Amino acid sequence: MSVAFVKEPNEDQVEALPERDLGTDPNFVTARGLRLLDEEIHSNEDAVERARAAGDKIAVAMLHRDLRYWRARRSTAQVVAPQADSELVQFGHSVSIEGTAGGKRTYRIVGVDEADPAQGLISYLSPLARQLVGKEEGDTIRIGAVEGAIAAIEIEDAT
């Protein structure tokens, strides 16, 4: 076999990593979400410098890919604030739901990158958020097999 057809490994070469999916939906963010994007960019820039100083080429490649993602998300971010005079659930609102079984749970509708369901932060694209938007206090919704009523709608502080 000719040497021209043999790919010799190069220790300075790192395989190209697939890009992170940016999605096609609008990149709505809260003011807090915009700050989190900026923090993520800054954190990744610092991590690139540490990885570069350590000679970790794989980490540098992964962090550069992540930086491209976060910078793209930051450049397309659209800060959305709920209208203060509206009584309907909107992006950025915190919504308290009382279940028929007696439990109470609060969710805040936020952007995709800010979502953390375990902390009650749900993406505006989630089925629950889509069900909540446009509702008002007293309206009933269904979460799986459980039914609940919207007990309160609040605009949270942007911090």
C-alpha atoms as a PDB file:
ATOM      1  CA  MET A   1       0.000   0.000   0.000  1.00  0.00           C
ATOM      2  CA  SER A   2       1.279   3.437  -0.848  1.00  0.00           C
ATOM      3  CA  VAL A   3       2.195   5.744   2.017  1.00  0.00           C
ATOM      4  CA  ALA A   4      -0.015   8.408   0.413  1.00  0.00           C
ATOM      5  CA  PHE A   5      -3.094   6.505   1.594  1.00  0.00           C
ATOM      6  CA  VAL A   6      -2.014   6.030   5.198  1.00  0.00           C
ATOM      7  CA  LYS A   7      -3.084   8.646   7.680  1.00  0.00           C
ATOM      8  CA  GLU A   8      -0.358   9.006  10.241  1.00  0.00           C
ATOM      9  CA  PRO A   9      -1.517  10.293  13.615  1.00  0.00           C
ATOM     10  CA  ASN A  10      -0.298  13.754  14.458  1.00  0.00           C
ATOM     11  CA  GLU A  11      -0.020  14.570  18.141  1.00  0.00           C
ATOM     12  CA  ASP A  12      -0.726  18.259  17.424  1.00  0.00           C
ATOM     13  CA  GLN A  13      -3.962  17.453  15.622  1.00  0.00           C
ATOM     14  CA  VAL A  14      -7.321  17.316  17.442  1.00  0.00           C
ATOM     15  CA  GLU A  15     -10.369  15.849  15.740  1.00  0.00           C
ATOM     16  CA  ALA A  16     -12.987  18.401  14.801  1.00  0.00           C
ATOM     17  CA  LEU A  17     -15.814  18.406  17.297  1.00  0.00           C
ATOM     18  CA  PRO A  18     -19.408  18.714  16.137  1.00  0.00           C
ATOM     19  CA  GLU A  19     -20.910  22.134  16.789  1.00  0.00           C
ATOM     20  CA  ARG A  20     -23.532  22.524  19.512  1.00  0.00           C
ATOM     21  CA  ASP A  21     -27.082  22.876  18.218  1.00  0.00           C
ATOM     22  CA  LEU A  22     -28.272  26.488  18.327  1.00  0.00           C
ATOM     23  CA  GLY A  23     -31.879  25.598  17.577  1.00  0.00           C
ATOM     24  CA  THR A  24     -34.190  27.543  15.323  1.00  0.00           C
ATOM     25  CA  ASP A  25     -36.542  29.148  17.859  1.00  0.00           C
ATOM     26  CA  PRO A  26     -36.109  32.778  18.915  1.00  0.00           C
ATOM     27  CA  ASN A  27     -33.496  33.184  21.662  1.00  0.00           C
ATOM     28  CA  PHE A  28     -35.657  34.941  24.265  1.00  0.00           C
ATOM     29  CA  VAL A  29     -33.885  35.629  27.561  1.00  0.00           C
ATOM     30  CA  THR A  30     -34.666  37.364  30.826  1.00  0.00           C
ATOM     31  CA  ALA A  31     -32.310  40.071  32.108  1.00  0.00           C
ATOM     32  CA  ARG A  32     -30.884  37.395  34.433  1.00  0.00           C
ATOM     33  CA  GLY A  33     -30.481  35.038  31.468  1.00  0.00           C
ATOM     34  CA  LEU A  34     -28.472  37.666  29.575  1.00  0.00           C
ATOM     35  CA  ARG A  35     -26.138  38.069  32.568  1.00  0.00           C
ATOM     36  CA  LEU A  36     -25.750  34.271  32.744  1.00  0.00           C
ATOM     37  CA  LEU A  37     -24.725  34.192  29.068  1.00  0.00           C
ATOM     38  CA  ASP A  38     -22.079  36.852  29.725  1.00  0.00           C
ATOM     39  CA  GLU A  39     -20.827  34.903  32.757  1.00  0.00           C
ATOM     40  CA  GLU A  40     -20.641  31.688  30.722  1.00  0.00           C
ATOM     41  CA  ILE A  41     -18.573  33.419  28.020  1.00  0.00           C
ATOM     42  CA  HIS A  42     -16.200  34.904  30.592  1.00  0.00           C
ATOM     43  CA  SER A  43     -15.862  31.578  32.409  1.00  0.00           C
ATOM     44  CA  ASN A  44     -15.094  29.726  29.171  1.00  0.00           C
ATOM     45  CA  GLU A  45     -12.526  32.337  28.118  1.00  0.00           C
ATOM     46  CA  ASP A  46     -10.737  31.862  31.453  1.00  0.00           C
ATOM     47  CA  ALA A  47     -10.912  28.087  31.092  1.00  0.00           C
ATOM     48  CA  VAL A  48      -9.392  28.274  27.577  1.00  0.00           C
ATOM     49  CA  GLU A  49      -6.395  30.164  28.966  1.00  0.00           C
ATOM     50  CA  ARG A  50      -5.926  27.607  31.751  1.00  0.00           C
ATOM     51  CA  ALA A  51      -6.217  24.686  29.313  1.00  0.00           C
ATOM     52  CA  ARG A  52      -3.824  26.350  26.867  1.00  0.00           C
ATOM     53  CA  ALA A  53      -1.289  26.962  29.676  1.00  0.00           C
ATOM     54  CA  ALA A  54      -1.616  23.301  30.686  1.00  0.00           C
ATOM     55  CA  GLY A  55      -1.091  22.170  27.083  1.00  0.00           C
ATOM     56  CA  ASP A  56      -4.458  20.376  27.021  1.00  0.00           C
ATOM     57  CA  LYS A  57      -5.334  20.584  23.312  1.00  0.00           C
ATOM     58  CA  ILE A  58      -8.498  18.534  23.625  1.00  0.00           C
ATOM     59  CA  ALA A  59      -9.857  20.790  26.374  1.00  0.00           C
ATOM     60  CA  VAL A  60      -8.931  23.873  24.320  1.00  0.00           C
ATOM     61  CA  ALA A  61     -10.831  22.491  21.312  1.00  0.00           C
ATOM     62  CA  MET A  62     -13.893  21.668  23.433  1.00  0.00           C
ATOM     63  CA  LEU A  63     -13.859  25.058  25.137  1.00  0.00           C
ATOM     64  CA  HIS A  64     -13.519  26.895  21.809  1.00  0.00           C
ATOM     65  CA  ARG A  65     -16.547  24.998  20.525  1.00  0.00           C
ATOM     66  CA  ASP A  66     -18.481  25.981  23.674  1.00  0.00           C
ATOM     67  CA  LEU A  67     -17.349  29.590  23.300  1.00  0.00           C
ATOM     68  CA  ARG A  68     -18.658  29.670  19.728  1.00  0.00           C
ATOM     69  CA  TYR A  69     -21.999  28.395  21.048  1.00  0.00           C
ATOM     70  CA  TRP A  70     -22.245  30.896  23.934  1.00  0.00           C
ATOM     71  CA  ARG A  71     -21.153  33.830  21.759  1.00  0.00           C
ATOM     72  CA  ALA A  72     -23.735  32.900  19.124  1.00  0.00           C
ATOM     73  CA  ARG A  73     -26.411  32.608  21.821  1.00  0.00           C
ATOM     74  CA  ARG A  74     -25.362  36.005  23.225  1.00  0.00           C
ATOM     75  CA  SER A  75     -25.437  37.664  19.799  1.00  0.00           C
ATOM     76  CA  THR A  76     -28.973  36.395  19.119  1.00  0.00           C
ATOM     77  CA  ALA A  77     -30.347  36.998  22.633  1.00  0.00           C
ATOM     78  CA  GLN A  78     -33.536  39.041  22.790  1.00  0.00           C
ATOM     79  CA  VAL A  79     -34.254  40.353  26.292  1.00  0.00           C
ATOM     80  CA  VAL A  80     -37.964  40.062  27.010  1.00  0.00           C
ATOM     81  CA  ALA A  81     -39.613  41.557  30.073  1.00  0.00           C
ATOM     82  CA  PRO A  82     -43.240  40.866  30.992  1.00  0.00           C
ATOM     83  CA  GLN A  83     -45.677  43.757  30.745  1.00  0.00           C
ATOM     84  CA  ALA A  84     -46.270  45.088  34.242  1.00  0.00           C
ATOM     85  CA  ASP A  85     -49.949  45.908  33.648  1.00  0.00           C
ATOM     86  CA  SER A  86     -50.970  42.513  32.277  1.00  0.00           C
ATOM     87  CA  GLU A  87     -52.790  39.935  34.381  1.00  0.00           C
ATOM     88  CA  LEU A  88     -51.979  37.132  31.936  1.00  0.00           C
ATOM     89  CA  VAL A  89     -49.009  34.771  32.298  1.00  0.00           C
ATOM     90  CA  GLN A  90     -46.084  35.852  30.105  1.00  0.00           C
ATOM     91  CA  PHE A  91     -42.428  35.082  29.519  1.00  0.00           C
ATOM     92  CA  GLY A  92     -40.491  36.050  32.663  1.00  0.00           C
ATOM     93  CA  HIS A  93     -43.397  35.590  35.069  1.00  0.00           C
ATOM     94  CA  SER A  94     -43.319  33.348  38.110  1.00  0.00           C
ATOM     95  CA  VAL A  95     -46.476  31.299  38.373  1.00  0.00           C
ATOM     96  CA  SER A  96     -47.642  29.544  41.533  1.00  0.00           C
ATOM     97  CA  ILE A  97     -49.867  26.537  40.970  1.00  0.00           C
ATOM     98  CA  GLU A  98     -51.919  24.850  43.694  1.00  0.00           C
ATOM     99  CA  GLY A  99     -52.663  21.220  42.963  1.00  0.00           C
ATOM    100  CA  THR A 100     -55.943  19.540  43.760  1.00  0.00           C
ATOM    101  CA  ALA A 101     -53.992  17.251  46.111  1.00  0.00           C
ATOM    102  CA  GLY A 102     -52.948  20.310  48.135  1.00  0.00           C
ATOM    103  CA  GLY A 103     -49.358  20.863  46.984  1.00  0.00           C
ATOM    104  CA  LYS A 104     -48.111  24.201  45.709  1.00  0.00           C
ATOM    105  CA  ARG A 105     -45.345  24.672  43.133  1.00  0.00           C
ATOM    106  CA  THR A 106     -43.885  27.805  41.553  1.00  0.00           C
ATOM    107  CA  TYR A 107     -42.385  27.977  38.063  1.00  0.00           C
ATOM    108  CA  ARG A 108     -40.688  30.844  36.267  1.00  0.00           C
ATOM    109  CA  ILE A 109     -40.863  30.982  32.471  1.00  0.00           C
ATOM    110  CA  VAL A 110     -37.385  31.716  31.099  1.00  0.00           C
ATOM    111  CA  GLY A 111     -35.167  31.232  28.050  1.00  0.00           C
ATOM    112  CA  VAL A 112     -33.792  27.894  26.875  1.00  0.00           C
ATOM    113  CA  ASP A 113     -30.273  28.367  28.279  1.00  0.00           C
ATOM    114  CA  GLU A 114     -31.564  29.618  31.638  1.00  0.00           C
ATOM    115  CA  ALA A 115     -33.974  26.731  32.189  1.00  0.00           C
ATOM    116  CA  ASP A 116     -33.418  24.495  35.210  1.00  0.00           C
ATOM    117  CA  PRO A 117     -36.609  22.549  35.962  1.00  0.00           C
ATOM    118  CA  ALA A 118     -35.264  21.277  39.306  1.00  0.00           C
ATOM    119  CA  GLN A 119     -35.079  24.942  40.389  1.00  0.00           C
ATOM    120  CA  GLY A 120     -38.518  25.789  38.973  1.00  0.00           C
ATOM    121  CA  LEU A 121     -37.069  27.556  35.900  1.00  0.00           C
ATOM    122  CA  ILE A 122     -38.851  26.258  32.811  1.00  0.00           C
ATOM    123  CA  SER A 123     -38.104  27.030  29.173  1.00  0.00           C
ATOM    124  CA  TYR A 124     -40.750  29.018  27.340  1.00  0.00           C
ATOM    125  CA  LEU A 125     -40.721  26.154  24.811  1.00  0.00           C
ATOM    126  CA  SER A 126     -41.664  23.514  27.405  1.00  0.00           C
ATOM    127  CA  PRO A 127     -45.149  22.005  27.315  1.00  0.00           C
ATOM    128  CA  LEU A 128     -45.923  23.403  30.778  1.00  0.00           C
ATOM    129  CA  ALA A 129     -44.882  26.949  29.843  1.00  0.00           C
ATOM    130  CA  ARG A 130     -46.889  26.781  26.626  1.00  0.00           C
ATOM    131  CA  GLN A 131     -49.888  25.712  28.671  1.00  0.00           C
ATOM    132  CA  LEU A 132     -49.415  28.556  31.174  1.00  0.00           C
ATOM    133  CA  VAL A 133     -48.832  31.487  28.793  1.00  0.00           C
ATOM    134  CA  GLY A 134     -52.001  33.518  28.334  1.00  0.00           C
ATOM    135  CA  LYS A 135     -53.725  32.113  31.426  1.00  0.00           C
ATOM    136  CA  GLU A 136     -54.724  34.168  34.471  1.00  0.00           C
ATOM    137  CA  GLU A 137     -55.146  33.603  38.206  1.00  0.00           C
ATOM    138  CA  GLY A 138     -57.828  31.024  38.917  1.00  0.00           C
ATOM    139  CA  ASP A 139     -57.453  29.235  35.573  1.00  0.00           C
ATOM    140  CA  THR A 140     -57.009  25.471  35.764  1.00  0.00           C
ATOM    141  CA  ILE A 141     -54.243  23.561  34.022  1.00  0.00           C
ATOM    142  CA  ARG A 142     -53.231  19.906  33.843  1.00  0.00           C
ATOM    143  CA  ILE A 143     -49.706  18.724  34.644  1.00  0.00           C
ATOM    144  CA  GLY A 144     -49.613  15.066  33.685  1.00  0.00           C
ATOM    145  CA  ALA A 145     -52.384  13.357  35.641  1.00  0.00           C
ATOM    146  CA  VAL A 146     -52.642  16.195  38.178  1.00  0.00           C
ATOM    147  CA  GLU A 147     -54.859  19.212  37.844  1.00  0.00           C
ATOM    148  CA  GLY A 148     -53.996  22.559  39.410  1.00  0.00           C
ATOM    149  CA  ALA A 149     -55.140  26.143  39.580  1.00  0.00           C
ATOM    150  CA  ILE A 150     -53.016  29.219  39.033  1.00  0.00           C
ATOM    151  CA  ALA A 151     -52.807  30.812  42.476  1.00  0.00           C
ATOM    152  CA  ALA A 152     -50.478  33.737  41.730  1.00  0.00           C
ATOM    153  CA  ILE A 153     -48.647  35.437  38.873  1.00  0.00           C
ATOM    154  CA  GLU A 154     -45.654  37.595  39.755  1.00  0.00           C
ATOM    155  CA  ILE A 155     -42.920  39.533  38.024  1.00  0.00           C
ATOM    156  CA  GLU A 156     -39.687  38.530  39.731  1.00  0.00           C
ATOM    157  CA  ASP A 157     -36.833  40.910  40.329  1.00  0.00           C
ATOM    158  CA  ALA A 158     -34.386  40.683  37.415  1.00  0.00           C
ATOM    159  CA  THR A 159     -31.457  39.912  39.723  1.00  0.00           C
END
